[in-house]
Protein backbone atom coordinates (compact mmCIF):
# COMPACT_ATOMS: atom_id res chain seq x y z
CA MET A 1 -43.02 -8.62 -62.13
CA ASN A 2 -40.37 -10.88 -63.65
CA ALA A 3 -37.90 -12.85 -61.56
CA PHE A 4 -35.04 -10.40 -62.10
CA GLU A 5 -37.09 -7.35 -61.07
CA GLY A 6 -38.24 -9.24 -58.01
CA GLU A 7 -34.62 -9.48 -56.89
CA ARG A 8 -33.53 -6.00 -58.00
CA ARG A 9 -33.66 -4.35 -54.57
CA HIS A 10 -31.56 -7.12 -53.02
CA LEU A 11 -29.10 -7.11 -55.92
CA PHE A 12 -28.70 -3.33 -55.80
CA GLY A 13 -28.08 -3.56 -52.05
CA VAL A 14 -25.30 -6.07 -52.60
CA ALA A 15 -23.72 -4.17 -55.51
CA TYR A 16 -23.91 -0.77 -53.82
CA ARG A 17 -22.24 -2.04 -50.66
CA MET A 18 -19.56 -3.76 -52.73
CA LEU A 19 -18.79 -0.69 -54.84
CA GLY A 20 -19.86 2.35 -52.79
CA SER A 21 -21.36 3.84 -55.94
CA ALA A 22 -25.00 3.82 -57.00
CA SER A 23 -24.14 4.52 -60.65
CA GLU A 24 -21.59 1.68 -60.78
CA ALA A 25 -24.05 -0.61 -59.01
CA GLU A 26 -26.66 0.15 -61.66
CA ASP A 27 -24.12 -0.63 -64.38
CA VAL A 28 -23.48 -4.00 -62.75
CA LEU A 29 -27.22 -4.72 -62.58
CA GLN A 30 -27.53 -3.91 -66.28
CA GLU A 31 -24.83 -6.45 -67.11
CA ALA A 32 -26.41 -8.98 -64.74
CA TRP A 33 -29.72 -8.51 -66.58
CA VAL A 34 -28.01 -9.27 -69.90
CA ARG A 35 -26.52 -12.45 -68.50
CA TRP A 36 -29.86 -13.42 -66.96
CA SER A 37 -31.58 -12.88 -70.31
CA GLU A 38 -29.01 -15.04 -72.09
CA ARG A 39 -29.08 -17.95 -69.63
CA ARG A 40 -29.65 -21.36 -71.22
CA GLU A 41 -31.39 -23.07 -68.31
CA GLU A 42 -33.37 -22.15 -65.23
CA PRO A 43 -31.27 -22.01 -62.04
CA ALA A 44 -32.35 -23.85 -58.91
CA SER A 45 -32.46 -20.51 -57.08
CA THR A 46 -32.93 -17.19 -58.88
CA ARG A 47 -31.50 -15.17 -55.97
CA ALA A 48 -28.44 -17.41 -55.57
CA TYR A 49 -27.73 -17.33 -59.31
CA LEU A 50 -28.11 -13.56 -59.64
CA THR A 51 -26.20 -12.81 -56.43
CA THR A 52 -23.30 -14.86 -57.74
CA VAL A 53 -23.34 -12.98 -61.04
CA VAL A 54 -23.53 -9.58 -59.32
CA VAL A 55 -20.77 -10.28 -56.79
CA ARG A 56 -18.39 -11.58 -59.46
CA LEU A 57 -19.10 -8.55 -61.66
CA CYS A 58 -18.43 -6.30 -58.66
CA LEU A 59 -15.12 -8.04 -57.97
CA ASP A 60 -14.09 -7.34 -61.56
CA GLN A 61 -15.27 -3.74 -61.22
CA LEU A 62 -13.30 -3.20 -58.01
CA LYS A 63 -10.03 -3.93 -59.80
CA SER A 64 -10.40 -0.90 -62.05
CA ALA A 65 -12.23 1.17 -59.42
CA ARG A 66 -9.35 0.89 -56.97
CA ALA A 67 -6.89 2.03 -59.61
CA ARG A 68 -9.07 5.07 -60.33
CA ARG A 69 -9.47 5.90 -56.65
CA GLU A 70 -5.71 5.94 -56.14
CA LYS A 71 -5.64 8.89 -58.56
CA TYR A 72 -8.73 10.55 -57.08
CA ILE A 73 -8.34 14.20 -56.09
CA GLY A 74 -8.82 14.48 -52.32
CA PRO A 75 -10.62 11.97 -50.07
CA TRP A 76 -12.87 9.50 -51.88
CA LEU A 77 -16.28 8.99 -50.23
CA PRO A 78 -19.19 6.80 -51.35
CA GLU A 79 -22.01 8.18 -53.46
CA PRO A 80 -24.80 9.05 -51.01
CA LEU A 81 -28.35 7.70 -51.25
CA ILE A 82 -31.05 10.13 -50.19
CA GLY A 83 -34.22 8.82 -48.56
CA ASP A 84 -35.12 5.55 -46.87
CA ALA A 85 -32.82 3.07 -48.56
CA GLU A 86 -33.91 0.10 -46.42
CA PRO A 87 -37.32 -1.02 -45.14
CA PRO A 88 -38.17 0.32 -41.65
CA ASP A 89 -37.88 -3.19 -40.19
CA ALA A 90 -34.45 -3.90 -41.73
CA ARG A 91 -32.03 -5.71 -39.44
CA THR A 92 -29.52 -3.57 -37.54
CA GLU A 93 -26.58 -5.13 -39.40
CA LEU A 94 -28.24 -4.46 -42.77
CA ALA A 95 -29.04 -0.84 -41.91
CA GLU A 96 -25.63 -0.09 -40.38
CA SER A 97 -23.80 -1.53 -43.38
CA LEU A 98 -25.35 1.14 -45.59
CA SER A 99 -23.93 4.14 -43.71
CA ILE A 100 -21.21 6.28 -45.29
CA ALA A 101 -18.87 5.57 -42.37
CA PHE A 102 -19.35 1.81 -42.73
CA LEU A 103 -18.83 1.90 -46.50
CA VAL A 104 -15.55 3.77 -45.94
CA LEU A 105 -14.47 0.99 -43.58
CA LEU A 106 -15.30 -1.57 -46.26
CA GLU A 107 -12.98 0.27 -48.66
CA ARG A 108 -10.03 -0.78 -46.50
CA LEU A 109 -10.76 -4.48 -46.99
CA SER A 110 -9.54 -6.56 -49.90
CA PRO A 111 -12.26 -7.20 -52.51
CA LEU A 112 -12.62 -10.85 -51.41
CA GLU A 113 -12.78 -9.88 -47.72
CA ARG A 114 -15.43 -7.32 -48.57
CA ALA A 115 -17.52 -9.79 -50.54
CA ALA A 116 -17.26 -12.57 -47.96
CA PHE A 117 -18.05 -10.25 -45.04
CA LEU A 118 -21.06 -8.68 -46.75
CA LEU A 119 -22.51 -11.99 -47.88
CA HIS A 120 -22.07 -13.75 -44.53
CA ASP A 121 -22.35 -11.08 -41.82
CA VAL A 122 -24.69 -8.61 -43.54
CA PHE A 123 -26.85 -10.74 -45.84
CA ASP A 124 -26.82 -13.87 -43.66
CA GLU A 125 -25.54 -16.25 -46.32
CA PRO A 126 -24.09 -19.51 -44.93
CA TYR A 127 -20.40 -20.19 -45.55
CA ALA A 128 -21.27 -22.89 -48.08
CA SER A 129 -23.14 -20.33 -50.21
CA VAL A 130 -20.36 -17.75 -49.84
CA ALA A 131 -17.83 -20.36 -50.96
CA ARG A 132 -19.87 -21.11 -54.09
CA VAL A 133 -20.15 -17.43 -54.97
CA LEU A 134 -16.43 -16.81 -54.49
CA ALA A 135 -15.39 -20.16 -56.00
CA THR A 136 -13.29 -21.07 -52.98
CA SER A 137 -13.47 -23.28 -49.87
CA GLU A 138 -15.56 -22.73 -46.77
CA ASP A 139 -12.40 -22.55 -44.64
CA ALA A 140 -11.02 -19.82 -46.86
CA CYS A 141 -14.30 -17.92 -46.51
CA ARG A 142 -14.18 -18.20 -42.73
CA GLN A 143 -10.69 -16.71 -42.75
CA LEU A 144 -11.77 -13.88 -45.04
CA VAL A 145 -14.74 -13.05 -42.83
CA ALA A 146 -12.67 -13.28 -39.64
CA ARG A 147 -10.08 -10.81 -40.97
CA ALA A 148 -12.75 -8.44 -42.22
CA ARG A 149 -14.74 -8.65 -38.99
CA ALA A 150 -11.66 -7.91 -36.88
CA HIS A 151 -10.90 -4.79 -38.91
CA ILE A 152 -14.52 -3.59 -38.85
CA ASP A 153 -14.91 -4.16 -35.11
CA GLU A 154 -11.64 -2.38 -34.36
CA ASN A 155 -12.79 0.77 -36.13
CA ARG A 156 -16.47 0.90 -35.21
CA PRO A 157 -17.68 3.51 -32.68
CA ARG A 158 -17.48 2.09 -29.16
CA PHE A 159 -20.96 3.33 -28.23
CA ARG A 160 -23.29 3.24 -31.22
CA ALA A 161 -25.74 6.13 -31.16
CA SER A 162 -29.45 5.72 -31.81
CA ASP A 163 -31.23 7.45 -34.66
CA GLU A 164 -32.83 9.71 -32.07
CA LYS A 165 -29.44 10.79 -30.71
CA LYS A 166 -28.11 11.45 -34.23
CA GLN A 167 -31.23 13.47 -35.03
CA GLU A 168 -30.76 15.47 -31.81
CA LEU A 169 -27.11 16.23 -32.58
CA LEU A 170 -27.89 17.14 -36.18
CA GLN A 171 -30.57 19.59 -35.05
CA ALA A 172 -28.12 21.13 -32.57
CA PHE A 173 -25.55 21.27 -35.38
CA VAL A 174 -27.95 23.15 -37.68
CA THR A 175 -28.98 25.50 -34.86
CA ALA A 176 -25.35 26.33 -34.03
CA CYS A 177 -24.54 26.91 -37.70
CA SER A 178 -27.57 29.14 -38.29
CA ALA A 179 -26.67 31.20 -35.22
CA GLY A 180 -23.00 31.38 -36.16
CA ASP A 181 -22.23 30.03 -32.68
CA SER A 182 -18.78 28.44 -32.88
CA GLN A 183 -18.75 27.57 -29.18
CA ALA A 184 -22.04 25.67 -29.41
CA LEU A 185 -20.76 23.84 -32.47
CA SER A 186 -17.50 22.99 -30.70
CA ARG A 187 -19.37 21.42 -27.80
CA LEU A 188 -20.94 18.89 -30.18
CA LEU A 189 -17.59 17.64 -31.47
CA ALA A 190 -15.08 15.20 -29.98
CA ASN A 191 -11.60 16.64 -29.38
CA ASP A 192 -10.18 14.35 -32.07
CA VAL A 193 -13.01 14.93 -34.57
CA VAL A 194 -12.13 14.42 -38.24
CA ALA A 195 -13.85 16.02 -41.25
CA ARG A 196 -13.47 14.53 -44.72
CA SER A 197 -14.68 16.41 -47.77
CA ASP A 198 -15.10 14.85 -51.22
CA GLY A 199 -15.15 17.35 -54.08
CA GLY A 200 -13.47 15.04 -56.59
CA GLY A 201 -11.59 17.97 -58.11
CA LYS A 202 -14.93 19.24 -59.51
CA VAL A 203 -15.69 21.76 -56.75
CA GLN A 204 -13.66 23.36 -53.98
CA ALA A 205 -13.13 20.98 -51.06
CA ALA A 206 -10.45 20.12 -48.53
CA LEU A 207 -7.87 17.89 -50.20
CA LYS A 208 -6.90 16.19 -46.93
CA PRO A 209 -8.82 15.19 -43.79
CA ILE A 210 -9.20 17.99 -41.24
CA PHE A 211 -8.33 17.06 -37.65
CA GLY A 212 -9.36 18.64 -34.34
CA VAL A 213 -12.24 20.77 -33.05
CA ASP A 214 -10.86 24.22 -33.84
CA ARG A 215 -9.89 23.41 -37.42
CA VAL A 216 -13.14 21.55 -38.13
CA VAL A 217 -15.26 24.42 -36.77
CA ARG A 218 -13.36 26.94 -38.90
CA PHE A 219 -13.81 24.70 -41.91
CA ILE A 220 -17.56 24.32 -41.37
CA PHE A 221 -18.14 28.06 -41.02
CA GLY A 222 -15.94 28.66 -44.06
CA VAL A 223 -18.15 26.34 -46.07
CA LEU A 224 -21.33 28.02 -44.82
CA LYS A 225 -20.16 31.40 -46.12
CA LYS A 226 -20.67 30.05 -49.64
CA PHE A 227 -24.38 29.53 -49.09
CA PRO A 228 -27.16 32.10 -49.51
CA PRO A 229 -28.97 33.13 -46.28
CA ASP A 230 -31.67 30.51 -46.84
CA GLY A 231 -29.20 27.83 -47.88
CA LEU A 232 -28.54 26.28 -44.48
CA PRO A 233 -28.67 22.47 -44.31
CA GLN A 234 -31.88 20.53 -43.80
CA ILE A 235 -32.14 17.17 -42.09
CA VAL A 236 -32.88 14.26 -44.46
CA ARG A 237 -32.24 10.53 -44.58
CA VAL A 238 -28.79 9.80 -46.01
CA ASN A 239 -27.90 6.14 -46.53
CA GLY A 240 -30.62 5.13 -44.13
CA GLU A 241 -29.67 7.43 -41.25
CA PRO A 242 -30.16 11.11 -40.34
CA GLY A 243 -27.97 13.42 -42.39
CA LEU A 244 -27.83 16.92 -43.82
CA LEU A 245 -28.50 18.20 -47.31
CA ALA A 246 -27.65 21.76 -48.32
CA ARG A 247 -29.01 23.41 -51.44
CA THR A 248 -28.12 26.45 -53.49
CA GLU A 249 -30.14 28.01 -56.28
CA GLY A 250 -28.39 25.60 -58.63
CA GLY A 251 -29.59 22.52 -56.73
CA VAL A 252 -27.87 20.27 -54.23
CA TYR A 253 -24.47 21.53 -53.17
CA THR A 254 -23.43 19.06 -50.52
CA VAL A 255 -24.59 16.11 -48.43
CA MET A 256 -23.18 15.41 -44.98
CA THR A 257 -23.48 12.64 -42.41
CA LEU A 258 -21.99 12.32 -38.94
CA THR A 259 -20.47 9.47 -37.00
CA VAL A 260 -21.55 9.66 -33.37
CA ASP A 261 -19.78 7.83 -30.57
CA GLY A 262 -21.76 8.17 -27.36
CA ASN A 263 -22.75 11.85 -27.24
CA GLU A 264 -20.01 13.27 -29.46
CA VAL A 265 -19.51 13.68 -33.18
CA THR A 266 -16.28 11.94 -34.10
CA ASP A 267 -16.40 12.16 -37.90
CA LEU A 268 -17.99 14.36 -40.54
CA TRP A 269 -18.44 12.92 -44.04
CA ILE A 270 -19.10 15.62 -46.64
CA VAL A 271 -19.84 14.85 -50.29
CA SER A 272 -19.80 17.79 -52.71
CA ASN A 273 -18.65 16.11 -55.93
CA PRO A 274 -21.55 16.93 -58.32
CA ASP A 275 -21.08 13.62 -60.13
CA LYS A 276 -22.07 11.84 -56.90
CA LEU A 277 -25.14 13.99 -56.21
CA ALA A 278 -27.21 13.26 -59.31
CA VAL A 279 -29.78 11.25 -57.36
CA ALA A 280 -30.06 13.91 -54.67
CA ARG A 281 -30.56 16.62 -57.31
CA GLY A 282 -33.24 14.53 -58.99
CA ASP A 283 -31.25 14.03 -62.19
CA GLN A 284 -31.81 10.29 -61.82
CA GLY A 285 -34.56 8.27 -60.20
CA PRO A 286 -34.18 6.99 -56.62
CA ARG A 287 -32.40 3.74 -56.07
CA GLY A 288 -33.00 1.29 -53.28
C-alpha cells in the first residue's frame, strides 16, 4: 500500500465532513492524488501534507457548492453513507460528526469555521497545525473554533440518545408504519418535530420543512402509499448510526435518519434525490 492509499480513509473522512457529499469528496481526493504524484520533495509528514491539500481543495469547492445549493430545489441534505463508515472503536466526537444532523449543522458555518472546527475538535489537530493548514494565526483559529463550537452546542440535542435507544425508536417507527397506526407513530414524535425531505427536484418531495406531529405523520403515511406492500423500510447503518432504507423494485427509493432528544424524535432527515443514493443502490463502491 502506498503512502497516499494509507491515508485515504482519513482524507475521505475530512473531505466528506467538509463537503457533505461523497462524490465531491472523491473528486477532491482524485485532485489530491494528482498533486501528491507531482510533488517535488518528500514532506516531513504525509498525513499533514495531504490533509492540507485536501482541506484547501475543499475550501475552494465550497465556494461553488454554496452557490449551487442556494439554487437547490427544496431542502439540501448531505449524501448518505450506508454501512459502518467509522471503526467500531471510533471516538464519540468522530462518530457524531458523521451524522446527517451534524453535517446539516456544519452547513451553517462559514467554510473557515467548518474547517477549523473539524480539524481541531473532531480530528484532534492542535491549533498550530490548524493554523498551518488554513494559512492563518493560531489566535484566529481559536476564534474560528470558538464561534463554530458555540453554534454547534446551541443546536445539539440536549440529551443525546444512545445507539440502542435510536434502534428501539426506529423499530417502533417501522412497526407503527407497517400497522398503519398513526397514534403509535405520533407517540414517538416530539410536539415540535420537523421533517426535511431532499428530492433535489428529481423526485417528488416536500419543498419546505414540515413542522408538527400531525403534519409529519400525514406526510409519512403519504410517502408510504407509494411503496409496494413489501417495500417498508429496513433498519441499516446510515452515516454510522441506525437509520432506515426503503426499496422499490427499481432499487433504493429513500434513506432516512432520525434525531432523538431523550426519548422523542425531534427531526426526520429524508434523502430521496437519486443522484445522492448511488452508493446505497450499489452503483458505486462503498466509501469510508
